[in-house]
Amino acid sequence: MGRFARCRTACHGLESQPHRYKILVAGNHDVLLDKEFFEKYPERRYGEEETMDDLEWGDVIYLNDSHTTLNFPTPAAAGDSGGGAPGYGTDSRELTIFGSPWTPQYGISAFQYPNTDADRWKVLSYGLSPPDIVVTHGPPRNHLDLQGWRRAGCPYLNREICRHRPRLVVFGHIHASYGRQDAVLDDVQRAYDELMVAWAGWTAITRMAMLSVVARCRRMLRGPEVGGEKITTFVNAAVVSGPKNQLGNSPIVVEI
């Protein structure tokens, strides 16, 4: 979506949707929205004079390493709204969303950072409160990030996700791993992740096994009637697939 006309069309299309809130996070092909990229590669302007400042965003919320808090009225019982149909009560709930377009360096594209930048995702902590939802262009390591035989997600993003444990993590970029995954980001999962990215040695296998036994015992003692684990839902929302990147995947709906 590097050309201005395509960016404008996409913004207008998103703005025309009937939803209360519309969140936009760019990606590595959205070179128009990456000012630093254009300064480094001015030839990628292709002679266009328009910049992202010429776009009309309307009510679209554009996130670039930033947070936003959305307010949702709580549905009221039938008749509470003064009529016969269900309305909305005076109570409300808030969801904090963090959005970022950045992905690890691969080729020449917009919004990319060095693969060795271990501090890149500390920006998740810059909001007033931990995010309930994280929207990034690329996936965290080990979660819907398989590209052929290799894991293409960022281990540093995964580390911050595990630390904050949001309710929902949405991304794309790796088209082949489209889908949904629910996970408990507990000590066992963190030990597994460290092992998979070679941040831990053989002792991590023993530690992970011990943690697995402890977690299983805790579940047995709690009993099936008691919940407890906080579930994080990962969604790879890539809508295109195949060698020609054609539209083919259905939208994924998640209830929070």
Protein backbone atom coordinates (compact mmCIF):
# COMPACT_ATOMS: atom_id res chain seq x y z
CA MET A 1 0.00 0.00 0.00
CA GLY A 2 2.88 2.36 -0.73
CA ARG A 3 1.18 4.63 -3.26
CA PHE A 4 -0.85 7.58 -2.03
CA ALA A 5 -4.01 6.70 -3.98
CA ARG A 6 -4.12 3.20 -2.50
CA CYS A 7 -3.54 4.51 1.03
CA ARG A 8 -6.33 7.05 0.59
CA THR A 9 -8.72 4.40 -0.71
CA ALA A 10 -7.91 2.10 2.21
CA CYS A 11 -8.47 4.89 4.75
CA HIS A 12 -11.81 5.84 3.19
CA GLY A 13 -12.89 2.21 3.11
CA LEU A 14 -12.04 1.71 6.77
CA GLU A 15 -13.72 4.97 7.79
CA SER A 16 -16.94 3.96 6.01
CA GLN A 17 -17.36 0.87 8.20
CA PRO A 18 -20.20 1.09 10.74
CA HIS A 19 -18.16 0.01 13.75
CA ARG A 20 -17.84 2.28 16.77
CA TYR A 21 -14.04 2.22 16.63
CA LYS A 22 -11.61 1.56 13.77
CA ILE A 23 -7.94 0.88 14.51
CA LEU A 24 -5.27 1.13 11.82
CA VAL A 25 -1.77 -0.31 12.18
CA ALA A 26 0.57 -0.12 9.19
CA GLY A 27 3.02 -2.74 7.96
CA ASN A 28 6.22 -3.23 6.02
CA HIS A 29 4.60 -2.44 2.65
CA ASP A 30 3.10 0.86 3.83
CA VAL A 31 6.12 2.94 2.91
CA LEU A 32 4.05 6.13 2.59
CA LEU A 33 3.47 6.07 6.35
CA ASP A 34 7.14 5.65 7.25
CA LYS A 35 8.76 9.09 6.96
CA GLU A 36 12.22 7.84 7.93
CA PHE A 37 12.06 5.21 5.20
CA PHE A 38 11.33 7.87 2.56
CA GLU A 39 14.24 9.97 3.78
CA LYS A 40 16.55 6.98 3.35
CA TYR A 41 15.02 5.74 0.06
CA PRO A 42 13.62 8.82 -1.72
CA GLU A 43 13.39 6.87 -4.99
CA ARG A 44 10.51 4.88 -3.49
CA ARG A 45 8.31 7.96 -3.79
CA TYR A 46 7.98 7.18 -7.50
CA GLY A 47 7.62 10.89 -8.23
CA GLU A 48 4.64 11.42 -5.92
CA GLU A 49 4.50 14.68 -3.97
CA GLU A 50 1.78 13.65 -1.50
CA THR A 51 2.80 12.46 1.96
CA MET A 52 0.96 10.82 4.82
CA ASP A 53 0.08 14.31 6.07
CA ASP A 54 -2.22 14.65 3.05
CA LEU A 55 -4.32 11.65 4.07
CA GLU A 56 -7.76 12.19 5.62
CA TRP A 57 -8.10 9.84 8.57
CA GLY A 58 -11.63 10.72 9.67
CA ASP A 59 -12.49 8.71 12.78
CA VAL A 60 -9.82 6.08 12.10
CA ILE A 61 -7.39 5.72 15.02
CA TYR A 62 -3.86 5.31 13.66
CA LEU A 63 -1.42 3.66 16.07
CA ASN A 64 2.35 3.73 15.66
CA ASP A 65 4.07 2.57 18.85
CA SER A 66 1.21 4.17 20.73
CA HIS A 67 -1.71 3.38 23.02
CA THR A 68 -5.38 4.29 22.95
CA THR A 69 -8.15 3.59 25.47
CA LEU A 70 -11.62 2.82 24.14
CA ASN A 71 -14.85 3.09 26.12
CA PHE A 72 -17.70 0.63 25.59
CA PRO A 73 -21.15 1.14 27.16
CA THR A 74 -22.41 -1.92 28.99
CA PRO A 75 -25.53 -3.48 27.43
CA ALA A 76 -28.56 -2.99 29.68
CA ALA A 77 -31.35 -5.45 30.31
CA ALA A 78 -34.48 -5.26 28.19
CA GLY A 79 -36.59 -2.29 29.19
CA ASP A 80 -33.79 -0.39 30.95
CA SER A 81 -33.46 1.99 28.03
CA GLY A 82 -37.00 3.26 28.48
CA GLY A 83 -38.43 1.19 25.65
CA GLY A 84 -39.11 -2.42 24.97
CA ALA A 85 -35.79 -3.15 23.27
CA PRO A 86 -32.44 -3.67 24.97
CA GLY A 87 -30.41 -0.49 25.28
CA TYR A 88 -27.23 0.60 27.04
CA GLY A 89 -26.84 1.28 30.73
CA THR A 90 -24.83 3.96 32.43
CA ASP A 91 -21.96 1.60 33.22
CA SER A 92 -19.13 1.13 30.78
CA ARG A 93 -15.90 -0.80 30.35
CA GLU A 94 -12.57 0.30 28.93
CA LEU A 95 -10.04 -1.53 26.79
CA THR A 96 -6.52 -0.25 26.26
CA ILE A 97 -4.99 -1.05 22.87
CA PHE A 98 -1.35 -0.85 21.84
CA GLY A 99 -0.51 -0.78 18.14
CA SER A 100 2.78 -0.94 16.23
CA PRO A 101 3.77 -1.54 12.59
CA TRP A 102 7.35 -2.69 13.21
CA THR A 103 8.83 -6.06 12.18
CA PRO A 104 12.36 -7.53 12.28
CA GLN A 105 14.65 -6.54 9.40
CA TYR A 106 14.08 -8.55 6.22
CA GLY A 107 14.94 -7.00 2.87
CA ILE A 108 14.17 -3.34 2.20
CA SER A 109 10.75 -2.41 3.54
CA ALA A 110 9.12 0.11 5.84
CA PHE A 111 8.97 -0.08 9.63
CA GLN A 112 11.80 -2.55 10.20
CA TYR A 113 14.28 -2.83 13.06
CA PRO A 114 17.51 -4.83 13.54
CA ASN A 115 16.98 -8.42 14.62
CA THR A 116 19.37 -7.81 17.53
CA ASP A 117 17.37 -4.91 19.03
CA ALA A 118 16.46 -6.53 22.36
CA ASP A 119 14.86 -3.36 23.74
CA ARG A 120 12.60 -2.68 20.77
CA TRP A 121 9.36 -3.78 22.44
CA LYS A 122 9.78 -2.10 25.79
CA VAL A 123 7.55 0.55 24.22
CA LEU A 124 4.61 -1.66 25.27
CA SER A 125 5.19 -0.40 28.81
CA TYR A 126 4.95 3.29 27.94
CA GLY A 127 1.17 3.54 28.33
CA LEU A 128 -0.65 4.58 31.50
CA SER A 129 -1.82 1.00 31.98
CA PRO A 130 -0.89 -2.42 30.55
CA PRO A 131 -2.62 -3.04 27.22
CA ASP A 132 -5.63 -5.35 27.06
CA ILE A 133 -5.10 -5.78 23.32
CA VAL A 134 -1.85 -5.69 21.34
CA VAL A 135 -1.99 -5.15 17.57
CA THR A 136 1.26 -5.52 15.65
CA HIS A 137 2.07 -6.17 12.03
CA GLY A 138 4.36 -9.10 12.75
CA PRO A 139 3.88 -12.04 15.13
CA PRO A 140 5.66 -12.85 18.37
CA ARG A 141 7.93 -15.90 18.22
CA ASN A 142 6.28 -19.32 18.65
CA HIS A 143 2.72 -18.08 18.07
CA LEU A 144 1.27 -18.53 14.58
CA ASP A 145 4.58 -17.51 13.03
CA LEU A 146 5.62 -20.59 11.02
CA GLN A 147 6.93 -19.72 7.56
CA GLY A 148 7.81 -22.99 5.94
CA TRP A 149 10.18 -24.74 8.35
CA ARG A 150 11.25 -21.72 10.39
CA ARG A 151 9.76 -19.48 13.06
CA ALA A 152 9.59 -15.92 11.73
CA GLY A 153 8.21 -14.14 14.80
CA CYS A 154 10.16 -11.80 17.06
CA PRO A 155 11.40 -13.32 20.35
CA TYR A 156 11.67 -9.90 21.99
CA LEU A 157 8.02 -9.13 21.19
CA ASN A 158 7.09 -12.51 22.66
CA ARG A 159 9.03 -11.71 25.83
CA GLU A 160 7.06 -8.49 26.38
CA ILE A 161 3.77 -10.18 25.52
CA CYS A 162 4.46 -12.82 28.16
CA ARG A 163 5.30 -10.11 30.69
CA HIS A 164 2.09 -8.12 30.13
CA ARG A 165 -0.22 -11.07 29.32
CA PRO A 166 -2.84 -9.12 27.33
CA ARG A 167 -6.22 -10.65 26.56
CA LEU A 168 -5.76 -10.49 22.80
CA VAL A 169 -2.78 -10.24 20.43
CA VAL A 170 -3.54 -9.56 16.75
CA PHE A 171 -1.04 -9.57 13.88
CA GLY A 172 -0.50 -10.77 10.32
CA HIS A 173 2.60 -10.60 8.09
CA ILE A 174 3.20 -14.38 8.01
CA HIS A 175 0.32 -15.34 5.73
CA ALA A 176 0.87 -19.09 5.97
CA SER A 177 0.09 -19.15 9.71
CA TYR A 178 -3.38 -17.63 9.55
CA GLY A 179 -5.56 -18.73 12.44
CA ARG A 180 -6.27 -18.50 16.16
CA GLN A 181 -4.44 -19.86 19.19
CA ASP A 182 -5.36 -19.67 22.88
CA ALA A 183 -2.52 -19.94 25.38
CA VAL A 184 -1.80 -19.58 29.08
CA LEU A 185 1.36 -17.48 29.37
CA ASP A 186 2.56 -19.05 32.60
CA ASP A 187 6.02 -20.07 33.79
CA VAL A 188 5.89 -23.25 31.72
CA GLN A 189 5.20 -21.35 28.52
CA ARG A 190 7.93 -18.81 29.26
CA ALA A 191 10.45 -21.58 29.92
CA TYR A 192 9.48 -23.24 26.65
CA ASP A 193 9.86 -19.97 24.73
CA GLU A 194 13.32 -19.35 26.19
CA LEU A 195 14.35 -22.85 25.23
CA MET A 196 13.07 -22.48 21.68
CA VAL A 197 15.03 -19.27 21.05
CA ALA A 198 18.18 -20.73 22.65
CA TRP A 199 18.11 -18.29 25.56
CA ALA A 200 18.46 -21.22 27.96
CA GLY A 201 20.52 -24.40 28.03
CA TRP A 202 19.82 -27.99 28.99
CA THR A 203 18.93 -27.00 32.53
CA ALA A 204 15.87 -25.25 31.08
CA ILE A 205 14.46 -28.63 30.00
CA THR A 206 14.58 -29.90 33.58
CA ARG A 207 13.14 -26.63 34.86
CA MET A 208 10.31 -26.75 32.31
CA ALA A 209 9.49 -30.35 33.26
CA MET A 210 9.34 -29.43 36.97
CA LEU A 211 7.15 -26.41 36.26
CA SER A 212 4.82 -28.59 34.18
CA VAL A 213 4.40 -31.02 37.08
CA VAL A 214 3.72 -28.17 39.53
CA ALA A 215 1.16 -26.59 37.19
CA ARG A 216 -0.62 -29.93 36.70
CA CYS A 217 -0.79 -30.50 40.46
CA ARG A 218 -2.22 -27.05 41.01
CA ARG A 219 -4.96 -27.71 38.46
CA MET A 220 -5.80 -31.04 40.13
CA LEU A 221 -6.00 -29.44 43.57
CA ARG A 222 -8.19 -26.57 42.37
CA GLY A 223 -10.68 -28.93 40.81
CA PRO A 224 -12.55 -28.58 37.52
CA GLU A 225 -15.11 -26.18 38.94
CA VAL A 226 -12.58 -23.43 39.61
CA GLY A 227 -11.07 -21.45 36.77
CA GLY A 228 -7.95 -19.41 37.24
CA GLU A 229 -5.62 -19.28 34.27
CA LYS A 230 -5.65 -16.08 32.29
CA ILE A 231 -6.04 -16.95 28.63
CA THR A 232 -4.29 -14.90 25.96
CA THR A 233 -5.76 -15.27 22.48
CA PHE A 234 -3.38 -14.95 19.53
CA VAL A 235 -4.86 -14.17 16.11
CA ASN A 236 -2.96 -14.19 12.84
CA ALA A 237 -5.51 -12.23 10.83
CA ALA A 238 -3.80 -12.44 7.42
CA VAL A 239 -6.59 -12.33 4.84
CA VAL A 240 -4.40 -13.23 1.87
CA SER A 241 -2.78 -16.57 1.10
CA GLY A 242 -0.97 -18.46 -1.61
CA PRO A 243 1.95 -17.46 -3.83
CA LYS A 244 -0.04 -14.60 -5.39
CA ASN A 245 -1.32 -13.20 -2.07
CA GLN A 246 -4.95 -13.46 -3.08
CA LEU A 247 -7.84 -12.80 -0.69
CA GLY A 248 -8.94 -16.13 0.67
CA ASN A 249 -9.09 -16.13 4.48
CA SER A 250 -12.21 -15.23 6.42
CA PRO A 251 -12.19 -12.59 9.19
CA ILE A 252 -11.65 -13.94 12.70
CA VAL A 253 -14.07 -12.74 15.38
CA VAL A 254 -13.03 -12.80 19.03
CA GLU A 255 -15.32 -12.06 21.97
CA ILE A 256 -13.72 -10.46 25.02
